[in-house]
Amino acid sequence: MAEPASCPIAQPVPRTSISVIVPVYQEEAGIREFLEHLRELGPDEIIVVDGGSADRTAEIAGRYASVLITPLGRAVQMNAGAVAATGDVLLFLHADVRLRKSALDIIRRKMADSTCCGGNFDIRFDGNDAAAHIFTLINRWRRRCGIFYGDSGIFCRREIFEQFGGYKPWPILEDYEFARCLWKLGKLSLLEEPIRVSDRRWTNGGLWSTLWSWFWIQALYLAGVSPHRLAKLYRHTR
């Protein structure tokens, strides 16, 4: 009597690994709380890239993550972090954001689709005032047009990042340009999953001056003005 044919054993699908890259500068006040929060989400790797802080940012971060020191500039910092990362997916986060515990598992599920090249989260600004509500709605509307920035938690496959050559070494708008490249490339996962973003931008810098700065920088860039010139109009706030 013939032996019954054996059924092939299904091979487990490899788990998508995520490297979180965090560019920082002078974040001593909040870096511990942020990294404790981040570790609870279960990333495979956390890389903090410090742009030469004069405070204890790098020292504190070293207790929770791998730390690199680079010249100041988010593009330079994020590119350095990406080169050092080992994950299948690169997630770029600012130090003033918060995610829900399910966030990274959602990324893993979405990136199991090989046609998806990357995506981002739905920004919800802190605060219960009108400004937070307005900025949240503005960002949600812009995202549908392929316009989003680094505070939304941009993620992408490692090979996609390498294909683009990383972020352009610009002083500002490097995240906008990278998002536009992702948008043109193929399928994105614009997640409904929220990312909480600090309102310190307009709390410290002023609501109307923040709106005015965003409007003019975006308009002048689209008109062809170099990001190196536009950087003079941008005021960093922490």
Protein backbone atom coordinates (compact mmCIF):
# COMPACT_ATOMS: atom_id res chain seq x y z
CA MET A 1 0.00 0.00 0.00
CA ALA A 2 1.41 3.35 -1.03
CA GLU A 3 2.39 5.80 1.66
CA PRO A 4 0.15 8.92 1.70
CA ALA A 5 1.81 12.02 0.32
CA SER A 6 3.06 14.27 3.03
CA CYS A 7 1.68 17.80 3.16
CA PRO A 8 4.24 20.57 2.89
CA ILE A 9 4.74 22.43 6.14
CA ALA A 10 3.82 26.08 5.83
CA GLN A 11 6.77 28.30 6.57
CA PRO A 12 6.13 31.15 9.02
CA VAL A 13 6.05 34.60 7.50
CA PRO A 14 9.10 36.56 8.70
CA ARG A 15 8.20 39.30 11.16
CA THR A 16 8.76 42.77 9.78
CA SER A 17 11.38 44.50 11.91
CA ILE A 18 11.12 48.22 12.62
CA SER A 19 13.97 50.61 13.38
CA VAL A 20 12.85 53.89 14.96
CA ILE A 21 15.10 56.85 14.21
CA VAL A 22 14.79 59.97 16.36
CA PRO A 23 16.69 63.17 15.47
CA VAL A 24 17.14 65.33 18.60
CA TYR A 25 18.69 68.55 19.78
CA GLN A 26 18.47 70.03 23.28
CA GLU A 27 15.68 67.65 24.36
CA GLU A 28 16.92 66.98 27.90
CA ALA A 29 13.60 67.96 29.48
CA GLY A 30 11.53 65.35 27.69
CA ILE A 31 13.79 62.71 26.17
CA ARG A 32 13.55 60.23 29.07
CA GLU A 33 9.74 60.19 29.07
CA PHE A 34 9.64 59.92 25.29
CA LEU A 35 12.04 56.97 25.11
CA GLU A 36 10.30 55.14 27.96
CA HIS A 37 7.07 55.55 26.01
CA LEU A 38 8.73 54.39 22.80
CA ARG A 39 10.20 51.24 24.32
CA GLU A 40 6.72 50.19 25.46
CA LEU A 41 5.64 50.07 21.81
CA GLY A 42 8.06 47.22 21.06
CA PRO A 43 10.33 48.51 18.28
CA ASP A 44 13.14 46.22 17.19
CA GLU A 45 15.64 49.04 17.41
CA ILE A 46 15.78 52.65 18.62
CA ILE A 47 18.43 54.98 17.28
CA VAL A 48 18.67 58.50 18.69
CA VAL A 49 20.73 60.88 16.57
CA ASP A 50 21.85 63.91 18.52
CA GLY A 51 22.84 67.05 16.66
CA GLY A 52 25.43 68.17 19.18
CA SER A 53 23.22 69.11 22.14
CA ALA A 54 24.91 71.13 24.88
CA ASP A 55 22.62 69.63 27.53
CA ARG A 56 22.27 66.02 28.79
CA THR A 57 20.13 64.79 25.89
CA ALA A 58 22.68 62.27 24.57
CA GLU A 59 23.62 61.05 28.05
CA ILE A 60 20.01 60.32 29.00
CA ALA A 61 19.15 58.80 25.61
CA GLY A 62 22.07 56.39 25.94
CA ARG A 63 20.25 54.60 28.75
CA TYR A 64 17.40 53.65 26.43
CA ALA A 65 18.72 53.56 22.88
CA SER A 66 21.71 53.55 20.58
CA VAL A 67 23.03 57.10 20.25
CA LEU A 68 24.85 58.72 17.35
CA ILE A 69 26.34 62.22 17.37
CA THR A 70 26.26 64.17 14.10
CA PRO A 71 26.30 67.77 12.92
CA LEU A 72 23.01 69.57 13.55
CA GLY A 73 20.34 69.24 10.86
CA ARG A 74 17.41 66.84 10.76
CA ALA A 75 18.25 65.56 7.26
CA VAL A 76 21.85 64.81 8.22
CA GLN A 77 20.75 63.23 11.49
CA MET A 78 18.03 61.04 9.97
CA ASN A 79 20.28 59.88 7.14
CA ALA A 80 22.96 58.87 9.65
CA GLY A 81 20.40 56.97 11.69
CA ALA A 82 19.10 55.17 8.61
CA VAL A 83 22.60 54.05 7.62
CA ALA A 84 23.12 52.56 11.10
CA ALA A 85 19.66 50.95 11.27
CA THR A 86 19.10 47.23 10.69
CA GLY A 87 15.30 47.06 10.42
CA ASP A 88 13.19 46.21 7.37
CA VAL A 89 11.16 49.38 7.92
CA LEU A 90 12.47 52.78 9.02
CA LEU A 91 10.19 54.92 11.18
CA PHE A 92 11.24 58.53 11.74
CA LEU A 93 9.83 60.18 14.85
CA HIS A 94 10.25 63.55 16.52
CA ALA A 95 10.82 63.58 20.28
CA ASP A 96 7.62 65.49 21.05
CA VAL A 97 5.16 62.90 19.72
CA ARG A 98 3.25 60.01 21.28
CA LEU A 99 1.77 56.88 19.69
CA ARG A 100 -0.75 54.32 20.87
CA LYS A 101 0.53 50.88 21.88
CA SER A 102 -0.90 49.33 18.71
CA ALA A 103 0.97 51.69 16.36
CA LEU A 104 3.96 49.55 15.41
CA ASP A 105 1.88 46.39 15.04
CA ILE A 106 -0.32 48.30 12.59
CA ILE A 107 2.77 49.30 10.60
CA ARG A 108 3.88 45.67 10.50
CA ARG A 109 0.49 44.54 9.19
CA LYS A 110 0.38 47.25 6.54
CA MET A 111 3.94 46.63 5.39
CA ALA A 112 3.21 42.92 4.98
CA ASP A 113 1.69 44.09 1.68
CA SER A 114 4.73 44.11 -0.60
CA THR A 115 3.17 46.81 -2.80
CA CYS A 116 3.13 49.31 0.07
CA CYS A 117 6.24 51.49 0.13
CA GLY A 118 5.53 53.49 3.27
CA GLY A 119 3.12 55.86 4.97
CA ASN A 120 2.47 57.98 8.04
CA PHE A 121 0.05 58.64 10.91
CA ASP A 122 -2.91 60.96 11.40
CA ILE A 123 -1.70 63.98 13.38
CA ARG A 124 -3.68 65.05 16.45
CA PHE A 125 -2.21 68.15 18.06
CA ASP A 126 -2.20 68.44 21.84
CA GLY A 127 -4.50 70.93 23.49
CA ASN A 128 -8.24 71.42 23.52
CA ASP A 129 -8.15 74.92 22.08
CA ALA A 130 -9.21 76.13 18.66
CA ALA A 131 -5.62 76.30 17.41
CA ALA A 132 -5.03 72.57 18.02
CA HIS A 133 -8.29 71.72 16.28
CA ILE A 134 -7.53 73.95 13.28
CA PHE A 135 -3.98 72.64 12.82
CA THR A 136 -5.23 69.06 13.08
CA LEU A 137 -7.81 69.66 10.36
CA ILE A 138 -5.29 71.48 8.13
CA ASN A 139 -2.84 68.59 8.31
CA ARG A 140 -5.56 66.03 7.65
CA TRP A 141 -6.65 67.90 4.54
CA ARG A 142 -3.09 68.39 3.26
CA ARG A 143 -2.25 64.73 3.74
CA ARG A 144 -4.94 63.73 1.25
CA CYS A 145 -3.02 65.79 -1.31
CA GLY A 146 0.27 64.08 -0.52
CA ILE A 147 1.56 66.90 1.68
CA PHE A 148 2.90 65.83 5.05
CA TYR A 149 5.90 66.40 7.26
CA GLY A 150 8.18 64.64 9.70
CA ASP A 151 5.96 65.23 12.73
CA SER A 152 3.43 62.80 11.22
CA GLY A 153 5.75 59.83 11.76
CA ILE A 154 6.93 58.95 8.24
CA PHE A 155 7.86 55.31 7.68
CA CYS A 156 9.15 53.44 4.63
CA ARG A 157 10.95 50.30 3.55
CA ARG A 158 14.70 50.37 3.87
CA GLU A 159 15.18 49.71 0.14
CA ILE A 160 12.89 52.62 -0.72
CA PHE A 161 14.92 54.94 1.48
CA GLU A 162 18.12 53.76 -0.18
CA GLN A 163 16.54 54.15 -3.62
CA PHE A 164 15.88 57.84 -2.90
CA GLY A 165 19.33 58.31 -1.45
CA GLY A 166 17.75 59.35 1.84
CA TYR A 167 16.63 62.83 2.79
CA LYS A 168 18.00 65.71 0.80
CA PRO A 169 20.61 67.57 2.90
CA TRP A 170 18.46 70.68 3.21
CA PRO A 171 18.07 72.82 6.35
CA ILE A 172 14.25 72.65 6.06
CA LEU A 173 11.57 70.95 3.90
CA GLU A 174 13.62 67.76 3.59
CA ASP A 175 10.63 65.86 5.04
CA TYR A 176 8.17 67.51 2.64
CA GLU A 177 10.33 66.57 -0.35
CA PHE A 178 10.75 63.00 0.90
CA ALA A 179 6.99 62.66 1.39
CA ARG A 180 6.38 63.89 -2.16
CA CYS A 181 8.81 61.27 -3.48
CA LEU A 182 6.98 58.54 -1.57
CA TRP A 183 3.65 59.79 -2.87
CA LYS A 184 4.81 59.62 -6.48
CA LEU A 185 6.44 56.22 -6.09
CA GLY A 186 3.48 54.05 -5.26
CA LYS A 187 1.03 52.81 -2.66
CA LEU A 188 1.10 54.51 0.73
CA SER A 189 -0.64 53.62 3.98
CA LEU A 190 -2.06 56.88 5.28
CA LEU A 191 -3.02 55.44 8.63
CA GLU A 192 -6.05 56.54 10.62
CA GLU A 193 -4.00 55.61 13.67
CA PRO A 194 -3.32 58.88 15.55
CA ILE A 195 0.01 60.38 16.46
CA ARG A 196 -0.15 62.96 19.24
CA VAL A 197 2.05 65.99 18.50
CA SER A 198 3.03 68.67 20.98
CA ASP A 199 1.57 72.15 20.52
CA ARG A 200 4.88 73.74 21.53
CA ARG A 201 5.39 75.11 18.03
CA TRP A 202 2.75 77.81 18.41
CA THR A 203 2.70 77.87 22.21
CA ASN A 204 6.35 78.98 22.24
CA GLY A 205 6.50 80.68 18.86
CA GLY A 206 3.07 82.30 18.67
CA LEU A 207 0.01 81.10 16.76
CA TRP A 208 -0.14 83.71 14.03
CA SER A 209 3.60 83.82 13.43
CA THR A 210 3.55 80.02 13.08
CA LEU A 211 0.72 80.12 10.56
CA TRP A 212 2.37 82.95 8.68
CA SER A 213 5.72 81.15 8.57
CA TRP A 214 4.19 77.88 7.32
CA PHE A 215 2.21 79.66 4.63
CA TRP A 216 5.08 81.73 3.24
CA ILE A 217 7.71 79.02 3.38
CA GLN A 218 5.44 76.60 1.52
CA ALA A 219 4.38 79.20 -1.04
CA LEU A 220 7.91 80.41 -1.73
CA TYR A 221 9.23 76.86 -2.05
CA LEU A 222 6.57 76.05 -4.63
CA ALA A 223 7.58 79.26 -6.41
CA GLY A 224 11.12 77.94 -6.72
CA VAL A 225 12.93 79.53 -3.78
CA SER A 226 15.77 77.39 -2.41
CA PRO A 227 15.27 75.70 1.00
CA HIS A 228 18.66 77.15 2.00
CA ARG A 229 17.27 80.66 1.57
CA LEU A 230 13.93 79.75 3.13
CA ALA A 231 15.68 78.47 6.25
CA LYS A 232 16.19 82.12 7.24
CA LEU A 233 12.40 82.44 7.63
CA TYR A 234 12.08 79.33 9.77
CA ARG A 235 12.39 79.57 13.54
CA HIS A 236 13.20 76.38 15.42
CA THR A 237 11.16 75.97 18.59
CA ARG A 238 11.71 73.62 21.53
